[in-house]
Every structure is written in structure tokens, then in C-alpha cells.
Amino acid sequence: MEQEAFYLQTFLEAASYRISGNLLEIYNASGDRILVFVAQ
């Protein structure tokens, strides 16, 4: 449950994203990459 809460809180901090090939990168307002998803 802690992992889910951490993920949801982090996702709420999203300010921008970038898609490159099969990679989705999500950034916060400071420009720090906070989440990365890879399509398989």
C-alpha cells in the first residue's frame, strides 16, 4: 500500500512529459524526471 501511495503522490507532481520511441518520461515543475514508463 505504501508503494501505491508513493506512486500516486509522485504522479500528482507531474508538470510535463516527453515521449521518445517506446519511452514515456514524466517531469516535475523543477524539470526533474520523476517517472519513466517503457512500452513492451
PDB file of N, CA and C in Angstrom:
ATOM      1  N   MET A   1       0.825  -1.198   0.000  1.00  0.00           N
ATOM      2  CA  MET A   1       0.000   0.000   0.000  1.00  0.00           C
ATOM      3  C   MET A   1       0.866   1.258   0.000  1.00  0.00           C
ATOM      4  N   GLU A   2       2.011   1.229   0.667  1.00  0.00           N
ATOM      5  CA  GLU A   2       2.897   2.391   0.678  1.00  0.00           C
ATOM      6  C   GLU A   2       3.429   2.688  -0.725  1.00  0.00           C
ATOM      7  N   GLN A   3       3.712   1.635  -1.467  1.00  0.00           N
ATOM      8  CA  GLN A   3       4.218   1.808  -2.825  1.00  0.00           C
ATOM      9  C   GLN A   3       3.172   2.496  -3.707  1.00  0.00           C
ATOM     10  N   GLU A   4       1.926   2.102  -3.569  1.00  0.00           N
ATOM     11  CA  GLU A   4       0.853   2.720  -4.344  1.00  0.00           C
ATOM     12  C   GLU A   4       0.700   4.191  -3.975  1.00  0.00           C
ATOM     13  N   ALA A   5       0.737   4.502  -2.694  1.00  0.00           N
ATOM     14  CA  ALA A   5       0.613   5.884  -2.241  1.00  0.00           C
ATOM     15  C   ALA A   5       1.763   6.732  -2.779  1.00  0.00           C
ATOM     16  N   PHE A   6       2.975   6.184  -2.762  1.00  0.00           N
ATOM     17  CA  PHE A   6       4.140   6.897  -3.286  1.00  0.00           C
ATOM     18  C   PHE A   6       3.962   7.175  -4.776  1.00  0.00           C
ATOM     19  N   TYR A   7       3.531   6.164  -5.528  1.00  0.00           N
ATOM     20  CA  TYR A   7       3.317   6.322  -6.971  1.00  0.00           C
ATOM     21  C   TYR A   7       2.276   7.407  -7.241  1.00  0.00           C
ATOM     22  N   LEU A   8       1.154   7.365  -6.563  1.00  0.00           N
ATOM     23  CA  LEU A   8       0.085   8.336  -6.793  1.00  0.00           C
ATOM     24  C   LEU A   8       0.526   9.746  -6.436  1.00  0.00           C
ATOM     25  N   GLN A   9       1.244   9.899  -5.341  1.00  0.00           N
ATOM     26  CA  GLN A   9       1.725  11.220  -4.939  1.00  0.00           C
ATOM     27  C   GLN A   9       2.727  11.760  -5.960  1.00  0.00           C
ATOM     28  N   THR A  10       3.607  10.898  -6.419  1.00  0.00           N
ATOM     29  CA  THR A  10       4.590  11.308  -7.415  1.00  0.00           C
ATOM     30  C   THR A  10       3.907  11.733  -8.707  1.00  0.00           C
ATOM     31  N   PHE A  11       2.902  10.976  -9.123  1.00  0.00           N
ATOM     32  CA  PHE A  11       2.185  11.292 -10.357  1.00  0.00           C
ATOM     33  C   PHE A  11       1.483  12.648 -10.258  1.00  0.00           C
ATOM     34  N   LEU A  12       1.022  13.024  -9.081  1.00  0.00           N
ATOM     35  CA  LEU A  12       0.368  14.318  -8.895  1.00  0.00           C
ATOM     36  C   LEU A  12       1.330  15.481  -9.086  1.00  0.00           C
ATOM     37  N   GLU A  13       2.632  15.214  -8.964  1.00  0.00           N
ATOM     38  CA  GLU A  13       3.645  16.255  -9.125  1.00  0.00           C
ATOM     39  C   GLU A  13       4.022  16.482 -10.589  1.00  0.00           C
ATOM     40  N   ALA A  14       3.450  15.704 -11.488  1.00  0.00           N
ATOM     41  CA  ALA A  14       3.801  15.790 -12.906  1.00  0.00           C
ATOM     42  C   ALA A  14       3.459  17.165 -13.473  1.00  0.00           C
ATOM     43  N   ALA A  15       4.417  17.730 -14.205  1.00  0.00           N
ATOM     44  CA  ALA A  15       4.210  19.032 -14.835  1.00  0.00           C
ATOM     45  C   ALA A  15       4.403  18.968 -16.345  1.00  0.00           C
ATOM     46  N   SER A  16       5.182  18.001 -16.799  1.00  0.00           N
ATOM     47  CA  SER A  16       5.416  17.848 -18.235  1.00  0.00           C
ATOM     48  C   SER A  16       5.821  16.415 -18.529  1.00  0.00           C
ATOM     49  N   TYR A  17       5.845  16.089 -19.826  1.00  0.00           N
ATOM     50  CA  TYR A  17       6.246  14.745 -20.217  1.00  0.00           C
ATOM     51  C   TYR A  17       6.960  14.786 -21.556  1.00  0.00           C
ATOM     52  N   ARG A  18       7.667  13.708 -21.847  1.00  0.00           N
ATOM     53  CA  ARG A  18       8.350  13.570 -23.126  1.00  0.00           C
ATOM     54  C   ARG A  18       8.211  12.126 -23.589  1.00  0.00           C
ATOM     55  N   ILE A  19       7.866  11.946 -24.847  1.00  0.00           N
ATOM     56  CA  ILE A  19       7.772  10.622 -25.441  1.00  0.00           C
ATOM     57  C   ILE A  19       8.885  10.494 -26.467  1.00  0.00           C
ATOM     58  N   SER A  20       9.647   9.425 -26.350  1.00  0.00           N
ATOM     59  CA  SER A  20      10.727   9.156 -27.288  1.00  0.00           C
ATOM     60  C   SER A  20      10.733   7.664 -27.579  1.00  0.00           C
ATOM     61  N   GLY A  21      10.295   7.301 -28.768  1.00  0.00           N
ATOM     62  CA  GLY A  21      10.210   5.877 -29.108  1.00  0.00           C
ATOM     63  C   GLY A  21       9.222   5.176 -28.200  1.00  0.00           C
ATOM     64  N   ASN A  22       9.692   4.177 -27.481  1.00  0.00           N
ATOM     65  CA  ASN A  22       8.824   3.423 -26.571  1.00  0.00           C
ATOM     66  C   ASN A  22       8.949   3.902 -25.127  1.00  0.00           C
ATOM     67  N   LEU A  23       9.511   5.090 -24.924  1.00  0.00           N
ATOM     68  CA  LEU A  23       9.784   5.612 -23.584  1.00  0.00           C
ATOM     69  C   LEU A  23       8.914   6.832 -23.285  1.00  0.00           C
ATOM     70  N   LEU A  24       8.253   6.819 -22.158  1.00  0.00           N
ATOM     71  CA  LEU A  24       7.486   7.974 -21.659  1.00  0.00           C
ATOM     72  C   LEU A  24       8.150   8.447 -20.383  1.00  0.00           C
ATOM     73  N   GLU A  25       8.631   9.682 -20.380  1.00  0.00           N
ATOM     74  CA  GLU A  25       9.275  10.262 -19.208  1.00  0.00           C
ATOM     75  C   GLU A  25       8.390  11.387 -18.676  1.00  0.00           C
ATOM     76  N   ILE A  26       8.179  11.408 -17.387  1.00  0.00           N
ATOM     77  CA  ILE A  26       7.345  12.429 -16.750  1.00  0.00           C
ATOM     78  C   ILE A  26       8.232  13.243 -15.810  1.00  0.00           C
ATOM     79  N   TYR A  27       8.080  14.564 -15.902  1.00  0.00           N
ATOM     80  CA  TYR A  27       8.922  15.503 -15.151  1.00  0.00           C
ATOM     81  C   TYR A  27       8.084  16.353 -14.203  1.00  0.00           C
ATOM     82  N   ASN A  28       8.700  16.791 -13.109  1.00  0.00           N
ATOM     83  CA  ASN A  28       8.030  17.715 -12.192  1.00  0.00           C
ATOM     84  C   ASN A  28       8.308  19.154 -12.630  1.00  0.00           C
ATOM     85  N   ALA A  29       7.806  20.102 -11.889  1.00  0.00           N
ATOM     86  CA  ALA A  29       7.940  21.512 -12.258  1.00  0.00           C
ATOM     87  C   ALA A  29       9.390  21.993 -12.246  1.00  0.00           C
ATOM     88  N   SER A  30      10.260  21.313 -11.511  1.00  0.00           N
ATOM     89  CA  SER A  30      11.676  21.682 -11.466  1.00  0.00           C
ATOM     90  C   SER A  30      12.463  21.086 -12.621  1.00  0.00           C
ATOM     91  N   GLY A  31      11.807  20.251 -13.415  1.00  0.00           N
ATOM     92  CA  GLY A  31      12.487  19.617 -14.537  1.00  0.00           C
ATOM     93  C   GLY A  31      13.127  18.288 -14.199  1.00  0.00           C
ATOM     94  N   ASP A  32      12.888  17.802 -12.989  1.00  0.00           N
ATOM     95  CA  ASP A  32      13.432  16.505 -12.583  1.00  0.00           C
ATOM     96  C   ASP A  32      12.559  15.385 -13.134  1.00  0.00           C
ATOM     97  N   ARG A  33      13.191  14.363 -13.699  1.00  0.00           N
ATOM     98  CA  ARG A  33      12.438  13.201 -14.178  1.00  0.00           C
ATOM     99  C   ARG A  33      11.961  12.418 -12.963  1.00  0.00           C
ATOM    100  N   ILE A  34      10.656  12.229 -12.848  1.00  0.00           N
ATOM    101  CA  ILE A  34      10.106  11.574 -11.658  1.00  0.00           C
ATOM    102  C   ILE A  34       9.509  10.206 -11.943  1.00  0.00           C
ATOM    103  N   LEU A  35       9.093   9.962 -13.180  1.00  0.00           N
ATOM    104  CA  LEU A  35       8.552   8.655 -13.553  1.00  0.00           C
ATOM    105  C   LEU A  35       8.995   8.310 -14.962  1.00  0.00           C
ATOM    106  N   VAL A  36       9.202   7.023 -15.198  1.00  0.00           N
ATOM    107  CA  VAL A  36       9.565   6.538 -16.524  1.00  0.00           C
ATOM    108  C   VAL A  36       8.755   5.289 -16.814  1.00  0.00           C
ATOM    109  N   PHE A  37       8.158   5.262 -18.009  1.00  0.00           N
ATOM    110  CA  PHE A  37       7.405   4.086 -18.453  1.00  0.00           C
ATOM    111  C   PHE A  37       8.011   3.620 -19.764  1.00  0.00           C
ATOM    112  N   VAL A  38       8.114   2.295 -19.927  1.00  0.00           N
ATOM    113  CA  VAL A  38       8.654   1.715 -21.143  1.00  0.00           C
ATOM    114  C   VAL A  38       7.604   0.776 -21.722  1.00  0.00           C
ATOM    115  N   ALA A  39       7.217   1.026 -22.981  1.00  0.00           N
ATOM    116  CA  ALA A  39       6.278   0.146 -23.663  1.00  0.00           C
ATOM    117  C   ALA A  39       7.008  -1.127 -24.079  1.00  0.00           C
ATOM    118  N   GLN A  40       6.333  -2.233 -23.926  1.00  0.00           N
ATOM    119  CA  GLN A  40       6.941  -3.516 -24.296  1.00  0.00           C
ATOM    120  C   GLN A  40       6.144  -4.217 -25.346  1.00  0.00           C
TER     121      GLN A  40
END
